[in-house]
Amino acid sequence: MSHMERRALVLALALTLPLVLYGIPYAYAITASSSYLVGDTTSGQSDAVHCKTGDYATGGGAASDSFGHLESTYPLLFDGTTYTGSLTGQPNAWAGYADQGVLTVWVVCQSPIPLPAGIGVPQFGSLYVAIALGAVVYFMLSRRFARRPTISAVVKA
C-alpha cells in the first residue's frame, strides 16, 4: 500500500469512526423500541382504549359496522382513572364515537426506549466533539504512519 493510500485510509477511519460511535445510541433505540396495538369493540355509541401506564399513543382510529355511522375519532389523555380530551401532553389513549351499531376503537402504543445505564442519546454538540476527536486522531495517526524507513546503501569502490 502506498504512502498516499495509507494516509487516505487513516483519514477515512479517523473521521468515520467517531461518527459511527455517535450513532450507536440511535441504533440501539431503533432496535429497543416496542409498539403494540390495543383495541376494543362495543355495541355502545362511544368507546375509548388506552396504553399501558407510562406508554404513549402514536396513532389510533375507530370503525363502525354497516348499521352505524362513525362520527369522530380522536386522541386522549388517560390518567389511570379518567379520560380527558385536553391534550396538554403526549396522548396515551384513543376514542371513537358512532351514532349506532357496533363500534371498534384501537390505539397504537409505544413503550419508552430504555437505554442502558451510562448510555444517552447525544445532542448535536456531541457531533462537533466527535468530528474534532476524529481530526485529532487523524493527525496523530498520520504522523505515526508518515515516518518512512530510512534506506541505506553501501557503496563499494
C-alpha atoms as a PDB file:
ATOM      1  CA  MET A   1       0.000   0.000   0.000  1.00  0.00           C
ATOM      2  CA  SER A   2       1.445   3.355  -0.984  1.00  0.00           C
ATOM      3  CA  HIS A   3       2.015   6.227   1.414  1.00  0.00           C
ATOM      4  CA  MET A   4      -0.876   8.250  -0.074  1.00  0.00           C
ATOM      5  CA  GLU A   5      -3.268   5.297   0.131  1.00  0.00           C
ATOM      6  CA  ARG A   6      -2.312   4.725   3.746  1.00  0.00           C
ATOM      7  CA  ARG A   7      -2.935   8.401   4.603  1.00  0.00           C
ATOM      8  CA  ALA A   8      -6.301   8.293   2.834  1.00  0.00           C
ATOM      9  CA  LEU A   9      -7.273   5.182   4.781  1.00  0.00           C
ATOM     10  CA  VAL A  10      -6.185   6.750   8.069  1.00  0.00           C
ATOM     11  CA  LEU A  11      -8.188   9.898   7.247  1.00  0.00           C
ATOM     12  CA  ALA A  12     -11.293   7.895   6.366  1.00  0.00           C
ATOM     13  CA  LEU A  13     -11.103   5.806   9.538  1.00  0.00           C
ATOM     14  CA  ALA A  14     -10.304   8.731  11.808  1.00  0.00           C
ATOM     15  CA  LEU A  15     -13.244  10.803  10.581  1.00  0.00           C
ATOM     16  CA  THR A  16     -15.727   7.961  10.183  1.00  0.00           C
ATOM     17  CA  LEU A  17     -15.203   6.073  13.436  1.00  0.00           C
ATOM     18  CA  PRO A  18     -16.397   8.866  15.774  1.00  0.00           C
ATOM     19  CA  LEU A  19     -19.485   9.405  13.622  1.00  0.00           C
ATOM     20  CA  VAL A  20     -20.271   5.675  13.734  1.00  0.00           C
ATOM     21  CA  LEU A  21     -19.850   5.691  17.511  1.00  0.00           C
ATOM     22  CA  TYR A  22     -22.095   8.769  17.658  1.00  0.00           C
ATOM     23  CA  GLY A  23     -24.899   6.763  16.031  1.00  0.00           C
ATOM     24  CA  ILE A  24     -24.771   3.744  18.366  1.00  0.00           C
ATOM     25  CA  PRO A  25     -27.383   5.089  20.842  1.00  0.00           C
ATOM     26  CA  TYR A  26     -29.753   5.770  17.927  1.00  0.00           C
ATOM     27  CA  ALA A  27     -29.247   2.278  16.530  1.00  0.00           C
ATOM     28  CA  TYR A  28     -29.963   0.858  19.969  1.00  0.00           C
ATOM     29  CA  ALA A  29     -33.088   2.998  20.256  1.00  0.00           C
ATOM     30  CA  ILE A  30     -34.422   1.665  16.960  1.00  0.00           C
ATOM     31  CA  THR A  31     -33.944  -1.966  17.992  1.00  0.00           C
ATOM     32  CA  ALA A  32     -35.176  -1.444  21.565  1.00  0.00           C
ATOM     33  CA  SER A  33     -38.469   0.242  20.724  1.00  0.00           C
ATOM     34  CA  SER A  34     -41.666  -1.756  21.063  1.00  0.00           C
ATOM     35  CA  SER A  35     -45.037  -0.928  19.577  1.00  0.00           C
ATOM     36  CA  TYR A  36     -48.274  -2.718  20.295  1.00  0.00           C
ATOM     37  CA  LEU A  37     -51.970  -2.405  19.492  1.00  0.00           C
ATOM     38  CA  VAL A  38     -54.831  -2.163  21.981  1.00  0.00           C
ATOM     39  CA  GLY A  39     -58.407  -2.477  20.728  1.00  0.00           C
ATOM     40  CA  ASP A  40     -61.969  -2.879  21.948  1.00  0.00           C
ATOM     41  CA  THR A  41     -65.343  -3.479  20.343  1.00  0.00           C
ATOM     42  CA  THR A  42     -68.621  -2.353  21.875  1.00  0.00           C
ATOM     43  CA  SER A  43     -72.247  -2.062  20.861  1.00  0.00           C
ATOM     44  CA  GLY A  44     -72.426   1.366  22.514  1.00  0.00           C
ATOM     45  CA  GLN A  45     -72.097   4.753  20.889  1.00  0.00           C
ATOM     46  CA  SER A  46     -68.698   5.636  22.339  1.00  0.00           C
ATOM     47  CA  ASP A  47     -65.631   3.784  23.495  1.00  0.00           C
ATOM     48  CA  ALA A  48     -62.029   4.540  24.450  1.00  0.00           C
ATOM     49  CA  VAL A  49     -58.913   2.419  24.830  1.00  0.00           C
ATOM     50  CA  HIS A  50     -55.613   3.283  26.467  1.00  0.00           C
ATOM     51  CA  CYS A  51     -51.969   2.237  26.547  1.00  0.00           C
ATOM     52  CA  LYS A  52     -50.209   0.650  29.498  1.00  0.00           C
ATOM     53  CA  THR A  53     -49.109   3.047  32.232  1.00  0.00           C
ATOM     54  CA  GLY A  54     -46.059   5.033  31.117  1.00  0.00           C
ATOM     55  CA  ASP A  55     -46.510   4.326  27.404  1.00  0.00           C
ATOM     56  CA  TYR A  56     -47.826   6.772  24.809  1.00  0.00           C
ATOM     57  CA  ALA A  57     -50.025   6.684  21.714  1.00  0.00           C
ATOM     58  CA  THR A  58     -48.530   7.065  18.258  1.00  0.00           C
ATOM     59  CA  GLY A  59     -51.846   6.713  16.451  1.00  0.00           C
ATOM     60  CA  GLY A  60     -55.244   5.165  16.598  1.00  0.00           C
ATOM     61  CA  GLY A  61     -58.635   5.007  14.997  1.00  0.00           C
ATOM     62  CA  ALA A  62     -62.183   3.732  15.067  1.00  0.00           C
ATOM     63  CA  ALA A  63     -64.623   1.995  12.761  1.00  0.00           C
ATOM     64  CA  SER A  64     -68.353   1.329  12.838  1.00  0.00           C
ATOM     65  CA  ASP A  65     -70.221  -1.572  11.304  1.00  0.00           C
ATOM     66  CA  SER A  66     -72.716  -1.163   8.438  1.00  0.00           C
ATOM     67  CA  PHE A  67     -75.538  -0.257  10.857  1.00  0.00           C
ATOM     68  CA  GLY A  68     -73.826   2.836  12.199  1.00  0.00           C
ATOM     69  CA  HIS A  69     -72.014   5.927  11.082  1.00  0.00           C
ATOM     70  CA  LEU A  70     -68.681   6.865  12.605  1.00  0.00           C
ATOM     71  CA  GLU A  71     -68.997  10.420  13.918  1.00  0.00           C
ATOM     72  CA  SER A  72     -65.496  11.061  15.295  1.00  0.00           C
ATOM     73  CA  THR A  73     -62.224   9.532  16.402  1.00  0.00           C
ATOM     74  CA  TYR A  74     -59.522  11.367  18.367  1.00  0.00           C
ATOM     75  CA  PRO A  75     -56.567  11.020  20.774  1.00  0.00           C
ATOM     76  CA  LEU A  76     -56.998  11.364  24.543  1.00  0.00           C
ATOM     77  CA  LEU A  77     -55.066  11.514  27.775  1.00  0.00           C
ATOM     78  CA  PHE A  78     -55.754   8.822  30.358  1.00  0.00           C
ATOM     79  CA  ASP A  79     -54.542   9.451  33.922  1.00  0.00           C
ATOM     80  CA  GLY A  80     -55.329   5.969  35.221  1.00  0.00           C
ATOM     81  CA  THR A  81     -58.972   6.669  36.060  1.00  0.00           C
ATOM     82  CA  THR A  82     -60.258   9.430  33.767  1.00  0.00           C
ATOM     83  CA  TYR A  83     -60.068  10.187  30.062  1.00  0.00           C
ATOM     84  CA  THR A  84     -59.616  13.819  29.063  1.00  0.00           C
ATOM     85  CA  GLY A  85     -59.660  15.429  25.631  1.00  0.00           C
ATOM     86  CA  SER A  86     -57.457  18.306  26.774  1.00  0.00           C
ATOM     87  CA  LEU A  87     -54.127  17.393  25.221  1.00  0.00           C
ATOM     88  CA  THR A  88     -51.534  19.119  27.380  1.00  0.00           C
ATOM     89  CA  GLY A  89     -49.112  16.217  26.991  1.00  0.00           C
ATOM     90  CA  GLN A  90     -48.396  13.157  24.895  1.00  0.00           C
ATOM     91  CA  PRO A  91     -51.679  11.281  24.241  1.00  0.00           C
ATOM     92  CA  ASN A  92     -51.887   7.757  25.621  1.00  0.00           C
ATOM     93  CA  ALA A  93     -55.434   6.787  24.617  1.00  0.00           C
ATOM     94  CA  TRP A  94     -57.836   6.896  21.668  1.00  0.00           C
ATOM     95  CA  ALA A  95     -61.596   7.359  21.460  1.00  0.00           C
ATOM     96  CA  GLY A  96     -64.333   6.894  18.911  1.00  0.00           C
ATOM     97  CA  TYR A  97     -67.994   7.875  18.648  1.00  0.00           C
ATOM     98  CA  ALA A  98     -70.667   6.392  16.364  1.00  0.00           C
ATOM     99  CA  ASP A  99     -74.394   7.170  16.106  1.00  0.00           C
ATOM    100  CA  GLN A 100     -75.349   3.457  16.402  1.00  0.00           C
ATOM    101  CA  GLY A 101     -74.211  -0.074  15.633  1.00  0.00           C
ATOM    102  CA  VAL A 102     -71.037  -1.845  16.695  1.00  0.00           C
ATOM    103  CA  LEU A 103     -68.027   0.384  17.315  1.00  0.00           C
ATOM    104  CA  THR A 104     -64.390  -0.755  17.274  1.00  0.00           C
ATOM    105  CA  VAL A 105     -61.676   1.538  18.668  1.00  0.00           C
ATOM    106  CA  TRP A 106     -57.917   0.932  18.647  1.00  0.00           C
ATOM    107  CA  VAL A 107     -54.748   2.700  19.716  1.00  0.00           C
ATOM    108  CA  VAL A 108     -51.170   2.085  18.603  1.00  0.00           C
ATOM    109  CA  CYS A 109     -48.917   2.379  21.655  1.00  0.00           C
ATOM    110  CA  GLN A 110     -45.174   2.869  22.020  1.00  0.00           C
ATOM    111  CA  SER A 111     -43.100   1.963  25.057  1.00  0.00           C
ATOM    112  CA  PRO A 112     -40.408   4.471  26.024  1.00  0.00           C
ATOM    113  CA  ILE A 113     -36.944   3.442  24.908  1.00  0.00           C
ATOM    114  CA  PRO A 114     -34.936   2.123  27.853  1.00  0.00           C
ATOM    115  CA  LEU A 115     -31.284   2.991  27.355  1.00  0.00           C
ATOM    116  CA  PRO A 116     -28.735   1.021  29.369  1.00  0.00           C
ATOM    117  CA  ALA A 117     -27.137   2.849  32.271  1.00  0.00           C
ATOM    118  CA  GLY A 118     -24.445   5.229  31.117  1.00  0.00           C
ATOM    119  CA  ILE A 119     -25.655   5.481  27.502  1.00  0.00           C
ATOM    120  CA  GLY A 120     -27.587   8.544  26.492  1.00  0.00           C
ATOM    121  CA  VAL A 121     -28.710   9.866  23.155  1.00  0.00           C
ATOM    122  CA  PRO A 122     -26.158  12.572  22.316  1.00  0.00           C
ATOM    123  CA  GLN A 123     -27.066  16.133  21.459  1.00  0.00           C
ATOM    124  CA  PHE A 124     -25.867  17.889  18.311  1.00  0.00           C
ATOM    125  CA  GLY A 125     -22.987  19.483  20.233  1.00  0.00           C
ATOM    126  CA  SER A 126     -21.585  15.981  20.675  1.00  0.00           C
ATOM    127  CA  LEU A 127     -21.374  15.630  16.907  1.00  0.00           C
ATOM    128  CA  TYR A 128     -18.910  18.525  16.775  1.00  0.00           C
ATOM    129  CA  VAL A 129     -16.884  16.913  19.552  1.00  0.00           C
ATOM    130  CA  ALA A 130     -16.869  13.657  17.579  1.00  0.00           C
ATOM    131  CA  ILE A 131     -15.600  15.441  14.465  1.00  0.00           C
ATOM    132  CA  ALA A 132     -12.926  17.260  16.474  1.00  0.00           C
ATOM    133  CA  LEU A 133     -11.795  13.981  18.037  1.00  0.00           C
ATOM    134  CA  GLY A 134     -11.682  12.439  14.576  1.00  0.00           C
ATOM    135  CA  ALA A 135      -9.426  15.246  13.367  1.00  0.00           C
ATOM    136  CA  VAL A 136      -7.094  14.824  16.357  1.00  0.00           C
ATOM    137  CA  VAL A 137      -6.908  11.076  15.810  1.00  0.00           C
ATOM    138  CA  TYR A 138      -6.197  11.665  12.124  1.00  0.00           C
ATOM    139  CA  PHE A 139      -3.283  13.965  12.830  1.00  0.00           C
ATOM    140  CA  MET A 140      -1.864  11.623  15.458  1.00  0.00           C
ATOM    141  CA  LEU A 141      -2.121   8.583  13.200  1.00  0.00           C
ATOM    142  CA  SER A 142      -0.887  10.384  10.110  1.00  0.00           C
ATOM    143  CA  ARG A 143       2.249  11.493  11.962  1.00  0.00           C
ATOM    144  CA  ARG A 144       2.839   7.923  13.081  1.00  0.00           C
ATOM    145  CA  PHE A 145       2.434   6.480   9.601  1.00  0.00           C
ATOM    146  CA  ALA A 146       4.284   9.355   7.918  1.00  0.00           C
ATOM    147  CA  ARG A 147       7.629   8.091   9.213  1.00  0.00           C
ATOM    148  CA  ARG A 148       9.359   6.363   6.387  1.00  0.00           C
ATOM    149  CA  PRO A 149      12.020   3.796   6.993  1.00  0.00           C
ATOM    150  CA  THR A 150      15.424   5.058   6.053  1.00  0.00           C
ATOM    151  CA  ILE A 151      17.148   3.334   3.212  1.00  0.00           C
ATOM    152  CA  SER A 152      20.874   2.993   3.394  1.00  0.00           C
ATOM    153  CA  ALA A 153      23.166   1.700   0.774  1.00  0.00           C
ATOM    154  CA  VAL A 154      26.744   0.693   0.989  1.00  0.00           C
ATOM    155  CA  VAL A 155      28.814   1.837  -1.919  1.00  0.00           C
ATOM    156  CA  LYS A 156      31.881  -0.275  -2.687  1.00  0.00           C
ATOM    157  CA  ALA A 157      34.695   1.184  -4.629  1.00  0.00           C
END
